């Protein structure tokens, strides 16, 4: 098969980019078509894309293009529809929910879309950016037009693969299309798990992080830990100024003589992240309407329990009472209650080996096997 990969844009490194990285491992000779490629913004992950055949659109050469990511969604339908990939046998699209990559000219090629989510900003889900009130009337009109374009793009897809049952429901609701669920890959097998002695810490901490965007609700974790006077470490890159808001929240609430600490670590390498998870008391995941949530699975993969908001795809990955706990409302009070419950009853009850065993369900090997099978079936027969 002659295969092409398509991704919205490559400027941040999160769960969607991890999937793209694994797709590229399956098809190492496949070129990657994208709207924009900005390696300098990828932090410690820049080298992962160094030797790829990445073919960015003409928007790559716009002045300050990295700052215009949000505005580019208006013209992204035109940009992707101008990409002629009809010479390929199979086009594998990694749809992050930012733009409309399914609009590429496919000709007789089969188009397989791995959908992380339909665009959240078009269908009422929380997003990273908070628009100005005076722009709302214009945004409502624009989003109506973009929803029609998004639906049209979805009809080009020969086979939809959803990253969770949560996203599978969205695909059926908004696109009127069936899909197959294949959970994203979580590669923790190559990271050494610290032994029990290395986990002992004179200052135990909770952990949260990833992409520091508003929809992730890291502010809830900070408020809850401030209320309980417990240590919290936060890793990840700030998005749309949210990180600075979080730091201001801490500085305005934390007294100088506090014996506990809220620590911002910034971007970390995979090795550093997994070590943080392995030594944490628990990983806090307060994200609202999460599509899948790859960091909770990564945490469980090194034996770290998860305390998560009972919302979105995380309901499919955390087992209540066995690998973590849920809290029901996106409020400080609800999370505080869950943290107390965890500390009193479940901190010793939840076994790290159970977390690791459960996380193995989401292994990279399983993902590669299922993706390869589906793409082969789509190319040779039809989408099942």
Protein backbone atom coordinates (compact mmCIF):
# COMPACT_ATOMS: atom_id res chain seq x y z
CA UNK A 1 0.00 0.00 0.00
CA UNK A 2 1.07 3.55 -0.68
CA UNK A 3 0.10 5.40 2.51
CA UNK A 4 -0.10 9.08 3.46
CA UNK A 5 -0.63 10.44 6.97
CA UNK A 6 -2.55 13.66 7.65
CA UNK A 7 -2.55 15.61 10.94
CA UNK A 8 -4.17 18.96 11.73
CA UNK A 9 -0.96 20.73 12.77
CA UNK A 10 2.24 19.89 14.66
CA UNK A 11 2.97 22.59 17.19
CA UNK A 12 2.24 20.93 20.55
CA UNK A 13 2.94 17.49 21.90
CA UNK A 14 0.00 15.74 23.53
CA UNK A 15 -2.09 12.61 23.20
CA UNK A 16 -2.93 13.26 19.53
CA UNK A 17 0.74 13.63 18.64
CA UNK A 18 1.56 10.40 20.48
CA UNK A 19 -0.98 8.66 18.26
CA UNK A 20 0.57 10.27 15.18
CA UNK A 21 3.98 9.11 16.35
CA UNK A 22 2.71 5.51 16.62
CA UNK A 23 1.00 5.70 13.22
CA UNK A 24 4.34 6.80 11.80
CA UNK A 25 5.99 3.77 13.42
CA UNK A 26 3.50 1.56 11.55
CA UNK A 27 4.13 3.45 8.28
CA UNK A 28 7.65 4.91 8.62
CA UNK A 29 7.92 5.80 4.93
CA UNK A 30 4.59 7.64 4.80
CA UNK A 31 4.79 11.42 4.35
CA UNK A 32 2.88 13.52 6.88
CA UNK A 33 0.70 16.27 5.44
CA UNK A 34 -0.20 19.03 7.86
CA UNK A 35 -1.27 22.64 8.04
CA UNK A 36 1.71 23.86 10.03
CA UNK A 37 4.89 22.36 11.49
CA UNK A 38 6.65 24.30 14.28
CA UNK A 39 9.31 22.09 15.90
CA UNK A 40 10.66 24.84 18.14
CA UNK A 41 7.38 24.76 20.11
CA UNK A 42 7.61 21.02 20.81
CA UNK A 43 10.03 21.43 23.72
CA UNK A 44 11.83 18.20 24.70
CA UNK A 45 9.85 16.27 22.05
CA UNK A 46 11.25 18.17 19.05
CA UNK A 47 13.71 15.46 18.05
CA UNK A 48 10.97 12.84 17.72
CA UNK A 49 9.89 14.41 14.42
CA UNK A 50 13.36 15.33 13.13
CA UNK A 51 13.75 12.75 10.36
CA UNK A 52 10.13 12.58 9.22
CA UNK A 53 8.94 13.54 5.75
CA UNK A 54 6.65 16.37 6.90
CA UNK A 55 4.89 18.35 4.17
CA UNK A 56 3.36 21.50 5.60
CA UNK A 57 0.97 23.76 3.70
CA UNK A 58 1.78 27.21 2.34
CA UNK A 59 0.60 28.65 5.67
CA UNK A 60 3.96 27.51 7.03
CA UNK A 61 5.54 30.55 5.36
CA UNK A 62 3.15 33.17 6.76
CA UNK A 63 4.79 35.67 9.13
CA UNK A 64 3.97 34.80 12.76
CA UNK A 65 2.11 31.71 11.57
CA UNK A 66 2.54 30.00 14.96
CA UNK A 67 0.52 32.79 16.58
CA UNK A 68 -2.31 32.51 14.03
CA UNK A 69 -3.27 28.89 14.75
CA UNK A 70 -6.77 29.82 15.96
CA UNK A 71 -7.48 32.11 13.00
CA UNK A 72 -6.28 29.52 10.51
CA UNK A 73 -9.34 27.38 11.21
CA UNK A 74 -11.34 29.79 9.01
CA UNK A 75 -9.24 29.03 5.92
CA UNK A 76 -8.19 25.50 6.86
CA UNK A 77 -11.04 23.94 4.79
CA UNK A 78 -9.58 25.55 1.67
CA UNK A 79 -6.02 24.55 2.60
CA UNK A 80 -6.80 20.87 3.20
CA UNK A 81 -9.11 20.61 0.18
CA UNK A 82 -6.21 21.87 -1.96
CA UNK A 83 -4.01 18.92 -0.88
CA UNK A 84 -4.20 16.36 -3.68
CA UNK A 85 -3.49 12.91 -2.21
CA UNK A 86 -5.27 10.93 -4.92
CA UNK A 87 -2.04 9.14 -5.86
CA UNK A 88 -2.06 7.19 -2.58
CA UNK A 89 -3.85 3.93 -1.86
CA UNK A 90 -4.75 4.76 1.75
CA UNK A 91 -4.91 8.10 3.55
CA UNK A 92 -4.79 7.88 7.35
CA UNK A 93 -6.06 11.05 8.98
CA UNK A 94 -5.36 11.88 12.63
CA UNK A 95 -8.22 14.28 13.38
CA UNK A 96 -7.50 16.22 16.56
CA UNK A 97 -10.66 18.30 16.46
CA UNK A 98 -8.95 21.54 15.47
CA UNK A 99 -9.41 21.74 11.70
CA UNK A 100 -10.92 19.78 8.80
CA UNK A 101 -8.25 17.40 7.48
CA UNK A 102 -10.80 14.96 6.03
CA UNK A 103 -11.33 17.43 3.17
CA UNK A 104 -8.15 16.36 1.37
CA UNK A 105 -8.61 15.31 -2.27
CA UNK A 106 -8.63 11.53 -2.00
CA UNK A 107 -9.62 10.42 -5.50
CA UNK A 108 -9.92 6.62 -5.39
CA UNK A 109 -7.89 6.30 -2.22
CA UNK A 110 -9.46 4.88 0.93
CA UNK A 111 -9.64 7.43 3.74
CA UNK A 112 -9.35 6.11 7.30
CA UNK A 113 -9.87 8.70 10.04
CA UNK A 114 -8.62 8.19 13.58
CA UNK A 115 -10.88 10.69 15.33
CA UNK A 116 -9.83 12.11 18.69
CA UNK A 117 -13.04 14.14 18.67
CA UNK A 118 -15.18 16.22 16.32
CA UNK A 119 -14.18 19.89 16.83
CA UNK A 120 -15.11 20.69 20.43
CA UNK A 121 -15.59 24.39 19.73
CA UNK A 122 -18.29 23.61 17.14
CA UNK A 123 -20.43 21.36 19.30
CA UNK A 124 -20.56 23.03 22.70
CA UNK A 125 -17.74 21.26 24.56
CA UNK A 126 -15.29 23.18 26.79
CA UNK A 127 -12.22 24.44 24.92
CA UNK A 128 -8.85 25.97 25.71
CA UNK A 129 -9.74 29.48 24.59
CA UNK A 130 -12.29 31.89 26.03
CA UNK A 131 -13.66 34.19 23.26
CA UNK A 132 -14.40 37.86 23.82
CA UNK A 133 -18.08 38.61 24.42
CA UNK A 134 -18.26 41.18 21.63
CA UNK A 135 -17.13 38.51 19.14
CA UNK A 136 -19.80 35.97 20.11
CA UNK A 137 -22.43 36.95 17.47
CA UNK A 138 -19.83 36.63 14.71
CA UNK A 139 -18.50 33.37 16.18
CA UNK A 140 -22.00 31.82 16.25
CA UNK A 141 -22.49 32.57 12.55
CA UNK A 142 -19.02 31.34 11.64
CA UNK A 143 -19.41 28.14 13.66
CA UNK A 144 -22.70 27.38 11.91
CA UNK A 145 -20.90 27.52 8.55
CA UNK A 146 -17.97 25.47 9.87
CA UNK A 147 -20.34 22.78 11.22
CA UNK A 148 -21.73 22.31 7.71
CA UNK A 149 -18.19 22.07 6.33
CA UNK A 150 -17.24 19.61 9.08
CA UNK A 151 -20.23 17.39 8.25
CA UNK A 152 -19.33 17.44 4.56
CA UNK A 153 -15.73 16.49 5.38
CA UNK A 154 -16.91 13.55 7.51
CA UNK A 155 -18.84 12.09 4.57
CA UNK A 156 -15.54 11.58 2.71
CA UNK A 157 -14.35 9.10 5.34
CA UNK A 158 -14.48 5.42 4.40
CA UNK A 159 -13.77 4.22 7.93
CA UNK A 160 -13.97 6.12 11.20
CA UNK A 161 -11.94 4.94 14.18
CA UNK A 162 -12.92 6.55 17.49
CA UNK A 163 -10.43 6.88 20.35
CA UNK A 164 -13.15 6.03 22.92
CA UNK A 165 -16.81 5.09 23.24
CA UNK A 166 -17.40 8.70 24.26
CA UNK A 167 -16.07 9.93 20.90
CA UNK A 168 -17.88 7.11 19.09
CA UNK A 169 -21.16 8.59 20.34
CA UNK A 170 -20.14 12.06 19.11
CA UNK A 171 -19.27 10.70 15.65
CA UNK A 172 -22.67 9.07 15.34
CA UNK A 173 -24.49 12.12 16.70
CA UNK A 174 -22.77 14.83 14.66
CA UNK A 175 -21.66 12.94 11.54
CA UNK A 176 -24.32 10.20 11.31
CA UNK A 177 -21.50 7.70 10.81
CA UNK A 178 -20.62 4.40 12.45
CA UNK A 179 -17.15 3.91 13.89
CA UNK A 180 -14.82 1.37 15.45
CA UNK A 181 -13.26 2.04 18.87
CA UNK A 182 -9.50 1.58 19.21
CA UNK A 183 -8.05 3.14 22.34
CA UNK A 184 -4.88 5.28 21.93
CA UNK A 185 -1.49 3.68 22.61
CA UNK A 186 0.18 4.08 25.97
CA UNK A 187 3.86 3.13 25.91
CA UNK A 188 5.08 2.72 29.48
CA UNK A 189 6.71 -0.70 29.17
CA UNK A 190 10.17 0.76 28.44
CA UNK A 191 10.18 2.88 31.61
CA UNK A 192 11.60 1.27 34.71
CA UNK A 193 9.17 1.18 37.61
CA UNK A 194 10.73 2.48 40.85
CA UNK A 195 10.87 -0.08 43.63
CA UNK A 196 8.94 0.34 46.85
CA UNK A 197 11.88 1.98 48.66
CA UNK A 198 12.26 4.71 46.02
CA UNK A 199 8.57 5.55 46.37
CA UNK A 200 8.96 6.46 50.02
CA UNK A 201 9.03 10.22 50.26
CA UNK A 202 9.23 12.51 53.26
CA UNK A 203 7.01 14.96 51.40
CA UNK A 204 4.38 12.94 49.45
CA UNK A 205 2.62 14.80 46.68
CA UNK A 206 -0.31 14.63 44.31
CA UNK A 207 0.36 15.17 40.62
CA UNK A 208 -1.50 16.64 37.66
CA UNK A 209 -0.56 18.11 34.33
CA UNK A 210 -0.33 17.64 30.60
CA UNK A 211 -1.55 20.40 28.34
CA UNK A 212 -2.39 23.29 30.66
CA UNK A 213 -5.63 24.45 29.01
CA UNK A 214 -8.85 25.69 30.60
CA UNK A 215 -10.88 22.59 29.74
CA UNK A 216 -8.40 20.51 31.78
CA UNK A 217 -9.55 22.35 34.95
CA UNK A 218 -6.18 22.24 36.69
CA UNK A 219 -7.50 25.11 38.82
CA UNK A 220 -9.76 22.62 40.62
CA UNK A 221 -6.76 20.51 41.62
CA UNK A 222 -4.94 23.61 42.90
CA UNK A 223 -7.92 24.85 44.91
CA UNK A 224 -8.55 21.43 46.44
CA UNK A 225 -4.91 20.93 47.42
CA UNK A 226 -4.73 24.45 48.84
CA UNK A 227 -7.85 23.73 50.88
CA UNK A 228 -6.43 20.46 52.25
CA UNK A 229 -2.90 21.85 52.61
CA UNK A 230 -1.28 19.03 50.64
CA UNK A 231 1.57 19.10 48.13
CA UNK A 232 0.82 19.26 44.41
CA UNK A 233 3.20 19.08 41.45
CA UNK A 234 2.03 20.33 38.04
CA UNK A 235 3.82 19.55 34.78
CA UNK A 236 3.10 20.69 31.22
CA UNK A 237 3.03 23.57 28.81
CA UNK A 238 0.74 26.54 29.33
CA UNK A 239 -1.90 27.14 26.66
CA UNK A 240 -3.62 30.48 25.91
CA UNK A 241 -2.27 32.06 29.09
CA UNK A 242 -3.96 29.55 31.40
CA UNK A 243 -0.69 28.63 33.09
CA UNK A 244 -0.12 32.23 34.20
CA UNK A 245 -3.66 32.35 35.60
CA UNK A 246 -2.90 29.24 37.63
CA UNK A 247 0.31 30.72 39.01
CA UNK A 248 -1.54 33.89 40.03
CA UNK A 249 -4.15 31.73 41.77
CA UNK A 250 -1.40 30.05 43.80
CA UNK A 251 0.49 33.25 44.63
CA UNK A 252 -2.68 34.96 45.85
CA UNK A 253 -3.67 32.00 48.05
CA UNK A 254 -0.43 30.52 49.38
CA UNK A 255 1.03 32.20 52.47
CA UNK A 256 4.78 32.54 52.88
CA UNK A 257 4.89 30.32 55.97
CA UNK A 258 3.00 27.43 54.34
CA UNK A 259 4.49 24.01 55.02
CA UNK A 260 3.02 22.56 51.84
CA UNK A 261 3.80 23.46 48.26
CA UNK A 262 2.22 23.92 44.82
CA UNK A 263 5.02 23.44 42.30
CA UNK A 264 4.99 24.19 38.56
CA UNK A 265 7.52 22.04 36.72
CA UNK A 266 6.98 23.21 33.14
CA UNK A 267 7.49 20.80 30.25
CA UNK A 268 9.19 17.55 31.18
CA UNK A 269 10.61 14.62 29.25
CA UNK A 270 8.77 11.31 29.13
CA UNK A 271 11.28 9.81 31.55
CA UNK A 272 10.78 12.66 34.03
CA UNK A 273 7.00 12.45 33.69
CA UNK A 274 6.83 8.72 34.38
CA UNK A 275 9.15 9.09 37.38
CA UNK A 276 6.89 11.83 38.77
CA UNK A 277 3.87 9.59 38.28
CA UNK A 278 5.52 6.56 39.85
CA UNK A 279 6.39 8.52 43.00
CA UNK A 280 3.08 10.42 43.30
CA UNK A 281 0.45 9.58 45.87
CA UNK A 282 -2.16 9.81 43.10
CA UNK A 283 -2.69 11.50 39.76
CA UNK A 284 -5.50 14.10 39.74
CA UNK A 285 -7.44 14.44 36.47
CA UNK A 286 -10.23 17.07 36.68
CA UNK A 287 -10.75 17.49 32.91
CA UNK A 288 -14.32 18.09 31.70
CA UNK A 289 -15.82 16.00 28.87
CA UNK A 290 -12.43 14.48 28.12
CA UNK A 291 -12.24 12.71 24.76
CA UNK A 292 -10.10 9.85 26.09
CA UNK A 293 -7.47 11.06 28.55
CA UNK A 294 -4.10 9.48 27.93
CA UNK A 295 -2.26 10.76 31.03
CA UNK A 296 -4.45 8.84 33.52
CA UNK A 297 -3.61 5.62 31.67
CA UNK A 298 0.08 6.56 31.68
CA UNK A 299 -0.14 7.11 35.43
CA UNK A 300 -1.77 3.73 36.00
CA UNK A 301 0.88 2.19 33.76
CA UNK A 302 3.55 2.94 36.39
CA UNK A 303 1.27 2.02 39.29
CA UNK A 304 -0.11 5.45 40.19
CA UNK A 305 -3.83 5.58 41.19
CA UNK A 306 -6.03 8.18 39.48
CA UNK A 307 -8.58 10.57 40.99
CA UNK A 308 -10.71 11.82 38.09
CA UNK A 309 -13.83 13.80 37.31
CA UNK A 310 -16.48 11.33 36.23
CA UNK A 311 -16.82 12.76 32.74
CA UNK A 312 -15.97 11.71 29.19
CA UNK A 313 -13.57 8.97 28.12
CA UNK A 314 -11.90 8.61 31.52
CA UNK A 315 -14.96 6.63 32.66
CA UNK A 316 -13.73 3.89 30.31
CA UNK A 317 -10.19 3.77 31.67
CA UNK A 318 -10.40 4.09 35.46
CA UNK A 319 -11.96 1.34 37.57
CA UNK A 320 -13.66 2.81 40.64
CA UNK A 321 -12.08 1.53 43.84
CA UNK A 322 -9.50 -0.62 42.02
CA UNK A 323 -7.34 1.74 39.99
CA UNK A 324 -8.68 5.06 41.26
CA UNK A 325 -11.66 7.13 42.37
CA UNK A 326 -14.14 9.44 40.67
CA UNK A 327 -15.62 12.71 41.85
CA UNK A 328 -18.99 13.68 40.43
CA UNK A 329 -18.98 17.46 40.03
CA UNK A 330 -16.37 19.88 38.58
CA UNK A 331 -16.18 21.75 41.90
CA UNK A 332 -13.55 22.24 44.57
CA UNK A 333 -15.85 20.69 47.18
CA UNK A 334 -16.41 17.51 45.17
CA UNK A 335 -12.69 17.02 44.56
CA UNK A 336 -11.82 17.75 48.21
CA UNK A 337 -14.29 15.05 49.26
CA UNK A 338 -12.70 12.55 46.84
CA UNK A 339 -9.17 13.36 48.07
CA UNK A 340 -10.23 12.84 51.66
CA UNK A 341 -11.94 9.57 50.75
CA UNK A 342 -8.84 8.41 48.91
CA UNK A 343 -6.51 9.32 51.76
CA UNK A 344 -8.68 7.67 54.43
CA UNK A 345 -9.86 4.51 52.69
CA UNK A 346 -8.25 3.85 49.32
CA UNK A 347 -4.62 5.01 49.52
CA UNK A 348 -3.51 1.60 50.81
CA UNK A 349 -6.42 -0.40 49.36
CA UNK A 350 -5.60 0.36 45.71
CA UNK A 351 -2.74 -1.87 44.60
CA UNK A 352 -0.17 -0.51 42.19
CA UNK A 353 0.09 -3.88 40.45
CA UNK A 354 -3.65 -3.70 39.65
CA UNK A 355 -3.14 -0.27 38.08
CA UNK A 356 -0.27 -1.56 35.93
CA UNK A 357 -2.19 -4.66 34.87
CA UNK A 358 -5.22 -2.59 33.85
CA UNK A 359 -3.09 -0.11 31.87
CA UNK A 360 -1.71 -2.96 29.77
CA UNK A 361 -5.08 -3.07 28.00
CA UNK A 362 -4.00 0.13 26.26
CA UNK A 363 -0.57 -1.01 25.08
CA UNK A 364 1.10 0.30 21.96
CA UNK A 365 1.41 -3.23 20.57
CA UNK A 366 -2.34 -3.77 20.77
CA UNK A 367 -2.99 -0.40 19.10
CA UNK A 368 -0.60 -1.16 16.24
CA UNK A 369 -2.12 -4.59 15.65
CA UNK A 370 -5.71 -3.33 15.54
CA UNK A 371 -4.92 -0.27 13.42
CA UNK A 372 -2.99 -2.36 10.88
CA UNK A 373 -5.84 -4.85 10.68
CA UNK A 374 -8.50 -2.18 10.12
CA UNK A 375 -6.46 -0.33 7.49
CA UNK A 376 -5.75 -3.58 5.66
CA UNK A 377 -9.46 -4.51 5.71
CA UNK A 378 -10.46 -1.04 4.50
CA UNK A 379 -7.96 -1.17 1.65
CA UNK A 380 -8.76 -4.71 0.54
CA UNK A 381 -12.45 -4.96 1.26
CA UNK A 382 -14.51 -2.28 3.00
CA UNK A 383 -14.94 -0.76 6.44
CA UNK A 384 -16.48 -3.35 8.76
